[in-house]
Amino acid sequence: MKLTALLLISVINTCVYAQKIISEGTLVYSISAESGTKASQADPLVGATNTVYIKGSLSKTEMATPLGKEASIYDAKNGAGVILKEYSGQKLMITLTKDNWITHNTKFDGIIFQSTTDRKEIAGYSCIKATGKLKDGSEVVVYYAPEVNVNDKNYNPLFKTLPGLATQYEFESGKLKFKYTLSSIDQGAVPLSKFDIPKSGYRVMTYDESRVGKKDNN
Protein backbone atom coordinates (compact mmCIF):
# COMPACT_ATOMS: atom_id res chain seq x y z
CA MET A 1 0.00 0.00 0.00
CA LYS A 2 2.80 2.40 0.96
CA LEU A 3 4.73 1.48 -2.19
CA THR A 4 1.69 2.21 -4.37
CA ALA A 5 1.21 5.58 -2.68
CA LEU A 6 4.88 6.48 -3.19
CA LEU A 7 4.72 5.49 -6.85
CA LEU A 8 1.60 7.62 -7.32
CA ILE A 9 3.25 10.64 -5.70
CA SER A 10 6.31 10.12 -7.88
CA VAL A 11 4.19 10.08 -11.04
CA ILE A 12 2.33 13.24 -9.99
CA ASN A 13 5.56 15.07 -9.18
CA THR A 14 7.08 14.02 -12.49
CA CYS A 15 4.06 15.41 -14.39
CA VAL A 16 4.16 18.68 -12.46
CA TYR A 17 7.85 19.31 -12.85
CA ALA A 18 7.86 18.17 -16.50
CA GLN A 19 5.53 21.01 -17.49
CA LYS A 20 7.26 23.37 -19.92
CA ILE A 21 6.84 27.00 -18.89
CA ILE A 22 6.81 29.76 -21.51
CA SER A 23 8.17 33.08 -20.26
CA GLU A 24 8.86 34.48 -23.73
CA GLY A 25 7.51 33.61 -27.14
CA THR A 26 4.79 33.98 -29.75
CA LEU A 27 1.53 32.06 -29.99
CA VAL A 28 -0.49 32.20 -33.20
CA TYR A 29 -4.16 31.16 -33.34
CA SER A 30 -6.35 30.89 -36.42
CA ILE A 31 -9.90 32.22 -36.00
CA SER A 32 -13.09 30.87 -37.54
CA ALA A 33 -16.76 31.72 -37.11
CA GLU A 34 -19.75 29.41 -37.41
CA SER A 35 -23.44 30.18 -37.62
CA GLY A 36 -25.55 27.45 -36.04
CA THR A 37 -24.11 24.04 -36.88
CA LYS A 38 -22.64 25.01 -40.26
CA ALA A 39 -19.78 27.27 -41.17
CA SER A 40 -21.05 30.64 -42.31
CA GLN A 41 -20.78 30.99 -46.10
CA ALA A 42 -20.07 34.70 -45.65
CA ASP A 43 -17.58 34.27 -42.82
CA PRO A 44 -15.95 37.71 -42.29
CA LEU A 45 -13.10 36.05 -40.38
CA VAL A 46 -11.67 33.91 -43.18
CA GLY A 47 -7.89 34.13 -42.80
CA ALA A 48 -8.15 35.92 -39.44
CA THR A 49 -5.45 35.33 -36.83
CA ASN A 50 -4.90 36.11 -33.17
CA THR A 51 -1.23 36.48 -32.24
CA VAL A 52 -0.04 36.62 -28.64
CA TYR A 53 3.42 38.00 -27.84
CA ILE A 54 4.84 37.30 -24.37
CA LYS A 55 7.98 38.68 -22.75
CA GLY A 56 8.11 38.36 -18.97
CA SER A 57 5.36 40.56 -17.51
CA LEU A 58 4.64 42.13 -20.91
CA SER A 59 2.03 40.78 -23.28
CA LYS A 60 0.47 41.87 -26.55
CA THR A 61 -2.54 40.26 -28.19
CA GLU A 62 -3.04 41.24 -31.81
CA MET A 63 -6.09 40.19 -33.83
CA ALA A 64 -5.94 40.70 -37.60
CA THR A 65 -9.07 40.20 -39.71
CA PRO A 66 -10.18 41.27 -43.20
CA LEU A 67 -12.23 43.97 -41.44
CA GLY A 68 -9.32 45.52 -39.55
CA LYS A 69 -6.96 45.08 -36.63
CA GLU A 70 -7.30 45.21 -32.88
CA ALA A 71 -4.58 44.83 -30.26
CA SER A 72 -4.08 45.10 -26.52
CA ILE A 73 -0.76 45.76 -24.81
CA TYR A 74 -0.50 44.99 -21.10
CA ASP A 75 2.20 45.27 -18.45
CA ALA A 76 1.43 43.04 -15.47
CA LYS A 77 3.99 44.89 -13.33
CA ASN A 78 2.04 48.14 -13.20
CA GLY A 79 -1.32 46.73 -14.28
CA ALA A 80 -1.85 49.33 -17.02
CA GLY A 81 -2.45 48.81 -20.70
CA VAL A 82 -3.84 50.13 -23.97
CA ILE A 83 -6.27 48.88 -26.59
CA LEU A 84 -5.55 49.77 -30.22
CA LYS A 85 -8.21 49.62 -32.93
CA GLU A 86 -7.78 50.09 -36.67
CA TYR A 87 -10.98 49.88 -38.71
CA SER A 88 -12.05 51.62 -41.94
CA GLY A 89 -9.00 53.84 -41.93
CA GLN A 90 -9.69 55.04 -38.39
CA LYS A 91 -7.11 54.46 -35.63
CA LEU A 92 -8.15 54.61 -31.98
CA MET A 93 -6.13 54.15 -28.78
CA ILE A 94 -7.92 53.50 -25.48
CA THR A 95 -5.76 53.92 -22.37
CA LEU A 96 -6.47 51.78 -19.29
CA THR A 97 -5.27 52.30 -15.73
CA LYS A 98 -4.81 49.35 -13.39
CA ASP A 99 -8.39 49.77 -12.11
CA ASN A 100 -9.68 50.09 -15.68
CA TRP A 101 -7.99 46.83 -16.66
CA ILE A 102 -9.58 45.03 -13.72
CA THR A 103 -13.01 46.43 -14.64
CA HIS A 104 -12.54 45.55 -18.30
CA ASN A 105 -11.90 41.91 -17.38
CA THR A 106 -14.29 41.52 -14.45
CA LYS A 107 -16.48 39.17 -16.50
CA PHE A 108 -13.77 36.52 -16.09
CA ASP A 109 -13.66 36.76 -12.28
CA GLY A 110 -14.24 33.46 -10.52
CA ILE A 111 -14.24 31.32 -13.67
CA ILE A 112 -13.64 27.67 -12.84
CA PHE A 113 -12.76 25.09 -15.48
CA GLN A 114 -13.99 21.54 -15.24
CA SER A 115 -11.85 19.05 -17.16
CA THR A 116 -13.54 16.22 -19.04
CA THR A 117 -12.38 12.87 -20.37
CA ASP A 118 -12.39 14.12 -23.96
CA ARG A 119 -8.99 14.32 -25.64
CA LYS A 120 -7.68 15.37 -29.04
CA GLU A 121 -4.39 16.38 -30.62
CA ILE A 122 -3.89 20.06 -31.47
CA ALA A 123 -0.65 21.63 -32.72
CA GLY A 124 1.20 18.44 -31.80
CA TYR A 125 -0.06 18.34 -28.19
CA SER A 126 -2.38 15.82 -26.57
CA CYS A 127 -5.06 18.14 -25.20
CA ILE A 128 -7.80 17.87 -22.59
CA LYS A 129 -11.25 19.36 -23.03
CA ALA A 130 -12.55 21.63 -20.26
CA THR A 131 -15.60 23.84 -19.84
CA GLY A 132 -15.79 27.10 -17.95
CA LYS A 133 -18.79 29.12 -16.81
CA LEU A 134 -18.73 32.91 -16.73
CA LYS A 135 -20.66 35.10 -14.30
CA ASP A 136 -23.21 35.96 -16.96
CA GLY A 137 -24.02 32.26 -17.40
CA SER A 138 -22.24 31.87 -20.75
CA GLU A 139 -19.91 28.96 -21.31
CA VAL A 140 -16.42 28.71 -22.78
CA VAL A 141 -15.18 25.40 -24.16
CA VAL A 142 -11.40 24.99 -24.08
CA TYR A 143 -8.88 22.34 -25.05
CA TYR A 144 -5.60 22.74 -23.19
CA ALA A 145 -2.16 21.12 -23.22
CA PRO A 146 -1.25 20.15 -19.62
CA GLU A 147 2.42 19.75 -20.53
CA VAL A 148 2.96 23.43 -21.32
CA ASN A 149 1.89 26.69 -19.68
CA VAL A 150 2.58 30.42 -19.71
CA ASN A 151 4.60 31.79 -16.79
CA ASP A 152 2.57 34.99 -16.35
CA LYS A 153 -1.09 33.99 -16.65
CA ASN A 154 -2.16 37.64 -16.69
CA TYR A 155 -1.63 37.65 -20.46
CA ASN A 156 -5.25 36.48 -20.77
CA PRO A 157 -7.56 36.70 -17.70
CA LEU A 158 -9.84 34.08 -19.27
CA PHE A 159 -7.18 31.39 -18.77
CA LYS A 160 -5.80 32.50 -15.40
CA THR A 161 -7.01 29.31 -13.67
CA LEU A 162 -6.53 26.94 -16.62
CA PRO A 163 -3.91 24.27 -15.68
CA GLY A 164 -2.19 24.37 -19.06
CA LEU A 165 -1.90 26.22 -22.36
CA ALA A 166 -5.15 26.88 -24.22
CA THR A 167 -4.74 25.30 -27.67
CA GLN A 168 -8.34 25.73 -28.80
CA TYR A 169 -11.27 27.63 -27.36
CA GLU A 170 -14.71 28.63 -28.52
CA PHE A 171 -17.52 30.85 -27.33
CA GLU A 172 -20.77 32.24 -28.65
CA SER A 173 -21.56 35.88 -29.32
CA GLY A 174 -24.97 36.66 -30.73
CA LYS A 175 -25.74 34.09 -33.42
CA LEU A 176 -22.12 33.26 -34.10
CA LYS A 177 -19.76 30.76 -32.52
CA PHE A 178 -16.11 31.81 -32.61
CA LYS A 179 -13.28 29.28 -32.50
CA TYR A 180 -9.59 30.00 -31.89
CA THR A 181 -7.14 27.21 -32.72
CA LEU A 182 -3.42 27.26 -31.96
CA SER A 183 -1.42 26.92 -35.18
CA SER A 184 2.12 27.59 -33.96
CA ILE A 185 4.35 28.33 -30.98
CA ASP A 186 7.66 30.15 -31.35
CA GLN A 187 9.71 30.34 -28.16
CA GLY A 188 12.28 32.64 -29.72
CA ALA A 189 13.07 36.09 -28.36
CA VAL A 190 10.42 38.78 -28.78
CA PRO A 191 11.77 42.32 -29.43
CA LEU A 192 10.96 44.75 -26.62
CA SER A 193 9.82 47.20 -29.30
CA LYS A 194 6.85 44.91 -29.96
CA PHE A 195 5.29 46.32 -26.76
CA ASP A 196 5.92 49.99 -27.54
CA ILE A 197 2.83 52.17 -27.24
CA PRO A 198 2.36 54.38 -30.34
CA LYS A 199 3.06 58.06 -29.73
CA SER A 200 1.18 59.41 -32.75
CA GLY A 201 -1.29 58.52 -35.47
CA TYR A 202 -4.08 57.48 -33.10
CA ARG A 203 -7.05 59.27 -31.66
CA VAL A 204 -6.58 58.80 -27.90
CA MET A 205 -9.31 58.44 -25.32
CA THR A 206 -9.53 57.10 -21.78
CA TYR A 207 -11.30 53.88 -20.91
CA ASP A 208 -14.11 55.81 -19.18
CA GLU A 209 -14.62 57.96 -22.28
CA SER A 210 -14.85 54.85 -24.44
CA ARG A 211 -17.61 53.42 -22.23
CA VAL A 212 -19.96 56.42 -22.47
CA GLY A 213 -23.30 55.24 -23.79
CA LYS A 214 -22.53 51.55 -23.33
CA LYS A 215 -24.78 49.42 -21.14
CA ASP A 216 -22.26 47.09 -19.50
CA ASN A 217 -19.22 47.93 -17.41
CA ASN A 218 -16.61 45.87 -19.21
C-alpha atoms as a PDB file:
ATOM      1  CA  MET A   1       0.000   0.000   0.000  1.00  0.00           C
ATOM      2  CA  LYS A   2       2.799   2.401   0.957  1.00  0.00           C
ATOM      3  CA  LEU A   3       4.726   1.483  -2.191  1.00  0.00           C
ATOM      4  CA  THR A   4       1.690   2.210  -4.365  1.00  0.00           C
ATOM      5  CA  ALA A   5       1.215   5.582  -2.683  1.00  0.00           C
ATOM      6  CA  LEU A   6       4.877   6.480  -3.188  1.00  0.00           C
ATOM      7  CA  LEU A   7       4.717   5.491  -6.854  1.00  0.00           C
ATOM      8  CA  LEU A   8       1.596   7.621  -7.325  1.00  0.00           C
ATOM      9  CA  ILE A   9       3.255  10.645  -5.695  1.00  0.00           C
ATOM     10  CA  SER A  10       6.309  10.115  -7.879  1.00  0.00           C
ATOM     11  CA  VAL A  11       4.188  10.076 -11.043  1.00  0.00           C
ATOM     12  CA  ILE A  12       2.328  13.237  -9.992  1.00  0.00           C
ATOM     13  CA  ASN A  13       5.557  15.068  -9.176  1.00  0.00           C
ATOM     14  CA  THR A  14       7.081  14.017 -12.486  1.00  0.00           C
ATOM     15  CA  CYS A  15       4.063  15.412 -14.386  1.00  0.00           C
ATOM     16  CA  VAL A  16       4.157  18.676 -12.461  1.00  0.00           C
ATOM     17  CA  TYR A  17       7.855  19.314 -12.854  1.00  0.00           C
ATOM     18  CA  ALA A  18       7.860  18.173 -16.498  1.00  0.00           C
ATOM     19  CA  GLN A  19       5.534  21.007 -17.491  1.00  0.00           C
ATOM     20  CA  LYS A  20       7.257  23.368 -19.920  1.00  0.00           C
ATOM     21  CA  ILE A  21       6.841  27.002 -18.887  1.00  0.00           C
ATOM     22  CA  ILE A  22       6.806  29.755 -21.508  1.00  0.00           C
ATOM     23  CA  SER A  23       8.174  33.077 -20.263  1.00  0.00           C
ATOM     24  CA  GLU A  24       8.865  34.478 -23.731  1.00  0.00           C
ATOM     25  CA  GLY A  25       7.512  33.610 -27.144  1.00  0.00           C
ATOM     26  CA  THR A  26       4.794  33.983 -29.748  1.00  0.00           C
ATOM     27  CA  LEU A  27       1.526  32.063 -29.985  1.00  0.00           C
ATOM     28  CA  VAL A  28      -0.485  32.196 -33.203  1.00  0.00           C
ATOM     29  CA  TYR A  29      -4.155  31.160 -33.342  1.00  0.00           C
ATOM     30  CA  SER A  30      -6.351  30.888 -36.420  1.00  0.00           C
ATOM     31  CA  ILE A  31      -9.901  32.221 -36.005  1.00  0.00           C
ATOM     32  CA  SER A  32     -13.093  30.874 -37.535  1.00  0.00           C
ATOM     33  CA  ALA A  33     -16.758  31.716 -37.112  1.00  0.00           C
ATOM     34  CA  GLU A  34     -19.749  29.411 -37.409  1.00  0.00           C
ATOM     35  CA  SER A  35     -23.440  30.182 -37.625  1.00  0.00           C
ATOM     36  CA  GLY A  36     -25.552  27.455 -36.037  1.00  0.00           C
ATOM     37  CA  THR A  37     -24.109  24.044 -36.876  1.00  0.00           C
ATOM     38  CA  LYS A  38     -22.644  25.007 -40.256  1.00  0.00           C
ATOM     39  CA  ALA A  39     -19.781  27.272 -41.172  1.00  0.00           C
ATOM     40  CA  SER A  40     -21.054  30.639 -42.308  1.00  0.00           C
ATOM     41  CA  GLN A  41     -20.779  30.992 -46.103  1.00  0.00           C
ATOM     42  CA  ALA A  42     -20.070  34.699 -45.651  1.00  0.00           C
ATOM     43  CA  ASP A  43     -17.585  34.272 -42.822  1.00  0.00           C
ATOM     44  CA  PRO A  44     -15.947  37.706 -42.286  1.00  0.00           C
ATOM     45  CA  LEU A  45     -13.098  36.052 -40.385  1.00  0.00           C
ATOM     46  CA  VAL A  46     -11.672  33.914 -43.185  1.00  0.00           C
ATOM     47  CA  GLY A  47      -7.891  34.125 -42.799  1.00  0.00           C
ATOM     48  CA  ALA A  48      -8.147  35.916 -39.441  1.00  0.00           C
ATOM     49  CA  THR A  49      -5.445  35.334 -36.827  1.00  0.00           C
ATOM     50  CA  ASN A  50      -4.903  36.114 -33.170  1.00  0.00           C
ATOM     51  CA  THR A  51      -1.233  36.481 -32.240  1.00  0.00           C
ATOM     52  CA  VAL A  52      -0.045  36.618 -28.636  1.00  0.00           C
ATOM     53  CA  TYR A  53       3.417  38.000 -27.837  1.00  0.00           C
ATOM     54  CA  ILE A  54       4.841  37.301 -24.374  1.00  0.00           C
ATOM     55  CA  LYS A  55       7.984  38.675 -22.750  1.00  0.00           C
ATOM     56  CA  GLY A  56       8.110  38.359 -18.966  1.00  0.00           C
ATOM     57  CA  SER A  57       5.359  40.556 -17.509  1.00  0.00           C
ATOM     58  CA  LEU A  58       4.641  42.131 -20.908  1.00  0.00           C
ATOM     59  CA  SER A  59       2.032  40.778 -23.284  1.00  0.00           C
ATOM     60  CA  LYS A  60       0.467  41.867 -26.545  1.00  0.00           C
ATOM     61  CA  THR A  61      -2.537  40.257 -28.191  1.00  0.00           C
ATOM     62  CA  GLU A  62      -3.039  41.240 -31.810  1.00  0.00           C
ATOM     63  CA  MET A  63      -6.091  40.192 -33.834  1.00  0.00           C
ATOM     64  CA  ALA A  64      -5.937  40.700 -37.599  1.00  0.00           C
ATOM     65  CA  THR A  65      -9.073  40.205 -39.713  1.00  0.00           C
ATOM     66  CA  PRO A  66     -10.183  41.271 -43.205  1.00  0.00           C
ATOM     67  CA  LEU A  67     -12.226  43.969 -41.444  1.00  0.00           C
ATOM     68  CA  GLY A  68      -9.319  45.518 -39.549  1.00  0.00           C
ATOM     69  CA  LYS A  69      -6.959  45.085 -36.627  1.00  0.00           C
ATOM     70  CA  GLU A  70      -7.299  45.214 -32.876  1.00  0.00           C
ATOM     71  CA  ALA A  71      -4.580  44.826 -30.257  1.00  0.00           C
ATOM     72  CA  SER A  72      -4.077  45.099 -26.521  1.00  0.00           C
ATOM     73  CA  ILE A  73      -0.759  45.759 -24.813  1.00  0.00           C
ATOM     74  CA  TYR A  74      -0.504  44.990 -21.103  1.00  0.00           C
ATOM     75  CA  ASP A  75       2.199  45.269 -18.448  1.00  0.00           C
ATOM     76  CA  ALA A  76       1.431  43.035 -15.473  1.00  0.00           C
ATOM     77  CA  LYS A  77       3.990  44.893 -13.330  1.00  0.00           C
ATOM     78  CA  ASN A  78       2.036  48.140 -13.197  1.00  0.00           C
ATOM     79  CA  GLY A  79      -1.321  46.734 -14.282  1.00  0.00           C
ATOM     80  CA  ALA A  80      -1.848  49.333 -17.020  1.00  0.00           C
ATOM     81  CA  GLY A  81      -2.448  48.813 -20.701  1.00  0.00           C
ATOM     82  CA  VAL A  82      -3.836  50.132 -23.969  1.00  0.00           C
ATOM     83  CA  ILE A  83      -6.271  48.884 -26.589  1.00  0.00           C
ATOM     84  CA  LEU A  84      -5.547  49.772 -30.223  1.00  0.00           C
ATOM     85  CA  LYS A  85      -8.209  49.622 -32.929  1.00  0.00           C
ATOM     86  CA  GLU A  86      -7.782  50.095 -36.671  1.00  0.00           C
ATOM     87  CA  TYR A  87     -10.978  49.885 -38.712  1.00  0.00           C
ATOM     88  CA  SER A  88     -12.054  51.615 -41.941  1.00  0.00           C
ATOM     89  CA  GLY A  89      -9.000  53.838 -41.932  1.00  0.00           C
ATOM     90  CA  GLN A  90      -9.686  55.038 -38.387  1.00  0.00           C
ATOM     91  CA  LYS A  91      -7.113  54.458 -35.632  1.00  0.00           C
ATOM     92  CA  LEU A  92      -8.151  54.606 -31.981  1.00  0.00           C
ATOM     93  CA  MET A  93      -6.132  54.149 -28.784  1.00  0.00           C
ATOM     94  CA  ILE A  94      -7.918  53.504 -25.481  1.00  0.00           C
ATOM     95  CA  THR A  95      -5.765  53.917 -22.374  1.00  0.00           C
ATOM     96  CA  LEU A  96      -6.465  51.784 -19.287  1.00  0.00           C
ATOM     97  CA  THR A  97      -5.270  52.298 -15.728  1.00  0.00           C
ATOM     98  CA  LYS A  98      -4.807  49.349 -13.390  1.00  0.00           C
ATOM     99  CA  ASP A  99      -8.388  49.770 -12.107  1.00  0.00           C
ATOM    100  CA  ASN A 100      -9.685  50.087 -15.676  1.00  0.00           C
ATOM    101  CA  TRP A 101      -7.985  46.828 -16.657  1.00  0.00           C
ATOM    102  CA  ILE A 102      -9.581  45.029 -13.716  1.00  0.00           C
ATOM    103  CA  THR A 103     -13.013  46.426 -14.637  1.00  0.00           C
ATOM    104  CA  HIS A 104     -12.540  45.546 -18.296  1.00  0.00           C
ATOM    105  CA  ASN A 105     -11.897  41.905 -17.381  1.00  0.00           C
ATOM    106  CA  THR A 106     -14.292  41.520 -14.450  1.00  0.00           C
ATOM    107  CA  LYS A 107     -16.484  39.170 -16.503  1.00  0.00           C
ATOM    108  CA  PHE A 108     -13.767  36.523 -16.086  1.00  0.00           C
ATOM    109  CA  ASP A 109     -13.662  36.758 -12.279  1.00  0.00           C
ATOM    110  CA  GLY A 110     -14.242  33.460 -10.522  1.00  0.00           C
ATOM    111  CA  ILE A 111     -14.238  31.323 -13.675  1.00  0.00           C
ATOM    112  CA  ILE A 112     -13.636  27.671 -12.842  1.00  0.00           C
ATOM    113  CA  PHE A 113     -12.757  25.094 -15.477  1.00  0.00           C
ATOM    114  CA  GLN A 114     -13.994  21.538 -15.242  1.00  0.00           C
ATOM    115  CA  SER A 115     -11.850  19.050 -17.159  1.00  0.00           C
ATOM    116  CA  THR A 116     -13.539  16.218 -19.042  1.00  0.00           C
ATOM    117  CA  THR A 117     -12.376  12.871 -20.372  1.00  0.00           C
ATOM    118  CA  ASP A 118     -12.393  14.117 -23.965  1.00  0.00           C
ATOM    119  CA  ARG A 119      -8.991  14.319 -25.640  1.00  0.00           C
ATOM    120  CA  LYS A 120      -7.679  15.369 -29.045  1.00  0.00           C
ATOM    121  CA  GLU A 121      -4.390  16.383 -30.623  1.00  0.00           C
ATOM    122  CA  ILE A 122      -3.890  20.062 -31.467  1.00  0.00           C
ATOM    123  CA  ALA A 123      -0.652  21.627 -32.718  1.00  0.00           C
ATOM    124  CA  GLY A 124       1.204  18.445 -31.801  1.00  0.00           C
ATOM    125  CA  TYR A 125      -0.062  18.339 -28.195  1.00  0.00           C
ATOM    126  CA  SER A 126      -2.384  15.818 -26.565  1.00  0.00           C
ATOM    127  CA  CYS A 127      -5.063  18.140 -25.202  1.00  0.00           C
ATOM    128  CA  ILE A 128      -7.801  17.872 -22.589  1.00  0.00           C
ATOM    129  CA  LYS A 129     -11.251  19.359 -23.035  1.00  0.00           C
ATOM    130  CA  ALA A 130     -12.552  21.628 -20.262  1.00  0.00           C
ATOM    131  CA  THR A 131     -15.602  23.837 -19.842  1.00  0.00           C
ATOM    132  CA  GLY A 132     -15.792  27.103 -17.954  1.00  0.00           C
ATOM    133  CA  LYS A 133     -18.794  29.122 -16.806  1.00  0.00           C
ATOM    134  CA  LEU A 134     -18.727  32.906 -16.734  1.00  0.00           C
ATOM    135  CA  LYS A 135     -20.658  35.097 -14.297  1.00  0.00           C
ATOM    136  CA  ASP A 136     -23.208  35.957 -16.961  1.00  0.00           C
ATOM    137  CA  GLY A 137     -24.015  32.262 -17.401  1.00  0.00           C
ATOM    138  CA  SER A 138     -22.241  31.874 -20.746  1.00  0.00           C
ATOM    139  CA  GLU A 139     -19.908  28.957 -21.313  1.00  0.00           C
ATOM    140  CA  VAL A 140     -16.424  28.706 -22.780  1.00  0.00           C
ATOM    141  CA  VAL A 141     -15.179  25.403 -24.161  1.00  0.00           C
ATOM    142  CA  VAL A 142     -11.401  24.986 -24.081  1.00  0.00           C
ATOM    143  CA  TYR A 143      -8.884  22.339 -25.050  1.00  0.00           C
ATOM    144  CA  TYR A 144      -5.600  22.743 -23.190  1.00  0.00           C
ATOM    145  CA  ALA A 145      -2.161  21.121 -23.225  1.00  0.00           C
ATOM    146  CA  PRO A 146      -1.253  20.152 -19.619  1.00  0.00           C
ATOM    147  CA  GLU A 147       2.424  19.753 -20.530  1.00  0.00           C
ATOM    148  CA  VAL A 148       2.961  23.427 -21.315  1.00  0.00           C
ATOM    149  CA  ASN A 149       1.893  26.692 -19.680  1.00  0.00           C
ATOM    150  CA  VAL A 150       2.583  30.423 -19.709  1.00  0.00           C
ATOM    151  CA  ASN A 151       4.597  31.793 -16.793  1.00  0.00           C
ATOM    152  CA  ASP A 152       2.570  34.993 -16.347  1.00  0.00           C
ATOM    153  CA  LYS A 153      -1.095  33.987 -16.651  1.00  0.00           C
ATOM    154  CA  ASN A 154      -2.164  37.644 -16.692  1.00  0.00           C
ATOM    155  CA  TYR A 155      -1.635  37.653 -20.460  1.00  0.00           C
ATOM    156  CA  ASN A 156      -5.245  36.479 -20.770  1.00  0.00           C
ATOM    157  CA  PRO A 157      -7.559  36.701 -17.705  1.00  0.00           C
ATOM    158  CA  LEU A 158      -9.835  34.083 -19.275  1.00  0.00           C
ATOM    159  CA  PHE A 159      -7.181  31.390 -18.768  1.00  0.00           C
ATOM    160  CA  LYS A 160      -5.796  32.495 -15.403  1.00  0.00           C
ATOM    161  CA  THR A 161      -7.009  29.306 -13.671  1.00  0.00           C
ATOM    162  CA  LEU A 162      -6.533  26.935 -16.616  1.00  0.00           C
ATOM    163  CA  PRO A 163      -3.913  24.272 -15.680  1.00  0.00           C
ATOM    164  CA  GLY A 164      -2.194  24.368 -19.059  1.00  0.00           C
ATOM    165  CA  LEU A 165      -1.898  26.224 -22.360  1.00  0.00           C
ATOM    166  CA  ALA A 166      -5.152  26.877 -24.223  1.00  0.00           C
ATOM    167  CA  THR A 167      -4.740  25.299 -27.673  1.00  0.00           C
ATOM    168  CA  GLN A 168      -8.336  25.729 -28.799  1.00  0.00           C
ATOM    169  CA  TYR A 169     -11.267  27.627 -27.359  1.00  0.00           C
ATOM    170  CA  GLU A 170     -14.709  28.630 -28.521  1.00  0.00           C
ATOM    171  CA  PHE A 171     -17.516  30.847 -27.329  1.00  0.00           C
ATOM    172  CA  GLU A 172     -20.767  32.243 -28.649  1.00  0.00           C
ATOM    173  CA  SER A 173     -21.558  35.883 -29.322  1.00  0.00           C
ATOM    174  CA  GLY A 174     -24.969  36.659 -30.729  1.00  0.00           C
ATOM    175  CA  LYS A 175     -25.738  34.087 -33.417  1.00  0.00           C
ATOM    176  CA  LEU A 176     -22.115  33.255 -34.103  1.00  0.00           C
ATOM    177  CA  LYS A 177     -19.759  30.761 -32.523  1.00  0.00           C
ATOM    178  CA  PHE A 178     -16.106  31.806 -32.610  1.00  0.00           C
ATOM    179  CA  LYS A 179     -13.277  29.279 -32.501  1.00  0.00           C
ATOM    180  CA  TYR A 180      -9.590  30.002 -31.886  1.00  0.00           C
ATOM    181  CA  THR A 181      -7.135  27.206 -32.717  1.00  0.00           C
ATOM    182  CA  LEU A 182      -3.416  27.256 -31.958  1.00  0.00           C
ATOM    183  CA  SER A 183      -1.425  26.916 -35.177  1.00  0.00           C
ATOM    184  CA  SER A 184       2.117  27.587 -33.961  1.00  0.00           C
ATOM    185  CA  ILE A 185       4.348  28.335 -30.977  1.00  0.00           C
ATOM    186  CA  ASP A 186       7.661  30.150 -31.350  1.00  0.00           C
ATOM    187  CA  GLN A 187       9.712  30.344 -28.163  1.00  0.00           C
ATOM    188  CA  GLY A 188      12.281  32.637 -29.721  1.00  0.00           C
ATOM    189  CA  ALA A 189      13.073  36.089 -28.358  1.00  0.00           C
ATOM    190  CA  VAL A 190      10.420  38.782 -28.781  1.00  0.00           C
ATOM    191  CA  PRO A 191      11.767  42.321 -29.430  1.00  0.00           C
ATOM    192  CA  LEU A 192      10.965  44.750 -26.623  1.00  0.00           C
ATOM    193  CA  SER A 193       9.816  47.196 -29.296  1.00  0.00           C
ATOM    194  CA  LYS A 194       6.850  44.907 -29.958  1.00  0.00           C
ATOM    195  CA  PHE A 195       5.293  46.320 -26.764  1.00  0.00           C
ATOM    196  CA  ASP A 196       5.922  49.988 -27.536  1.00  0.00           C
ATOM    197  CA  ILE A 197       2.834  52.171 -27.243  1.00  0.00           C
ATOM    198  CA  PRO A 198       2.356  54.379 -30.335  1.00  0.00           C
ATOM    199  CA  LYS A 199       3.059  58.061 -29.729  1.00  0.00           C
ATOM    200  CA  SER A 200       1.178  59.415 -32.745  1.00  0.00           C
ATOM    201  CA  GLY A 201      -1.287  58.516 -35.470  1.00  0.00           C
ATOM    202  CA  TYR A 202      -4.078  57.476 -33.104  1.00  0.00           C
ATOM    203  CA  ARG A 203      -7.053  59.272 -31.656  1.00  0.00           C
ATOM    204  CA  VAL A 204      -6.576  58.802 -27.904  1.00  0.00           C
ATOM    205  CA  MET A 205      -9.307  58.436 -25.316  1.00  0.00           C
ATOM    206  CA  THR A 206      -9.534  57.102 -21.780  1.00  0.00           C
ATOM    207  CA  TYR A 207     -11.301  53.881 -20.911  1.00  0.00           C
ATOM    208  CA  ASP A 208     -14.107  55.805 -19.180  1.00  0.00           C
ATOM    209  CA  GLU A 209     -14.616  57.962 -22.275  1.00  0.00           C
ATOM    210  CA  SER A 210     -14.851  54.848 -24.437  1.00  0.00           C
ATOM    211  CA  ARG A 211     -17.611  53.424 -22.230  1.00  0.00           C
ATOM    212  CA  VAL A 212     -19.957  56.419 -22.473  1.00  0.00           C
ATOM    213  CA  GLY A 213     -23.300  55.241 -23.795  1.00  0.00           C
ATOM    214  CA  LYS A 214     -22.533  51.547 -23.335  1.00  0.00           C
ATOM    215  CA  LYS A 215     -24.777  49.420 -21.135  1.00  0.00           C
ATOM    216  CA  ASP A 216     -22.257  47.093 -19.496  1.00  0.00           C
ATOM    217  CA  ASN A 217     -19.225  47.933 -17.409  1.00  0.00           C
ATOM    218  CA  ASN A 218     -16.608  45.875 -19.207  1.00  0.00           C
END
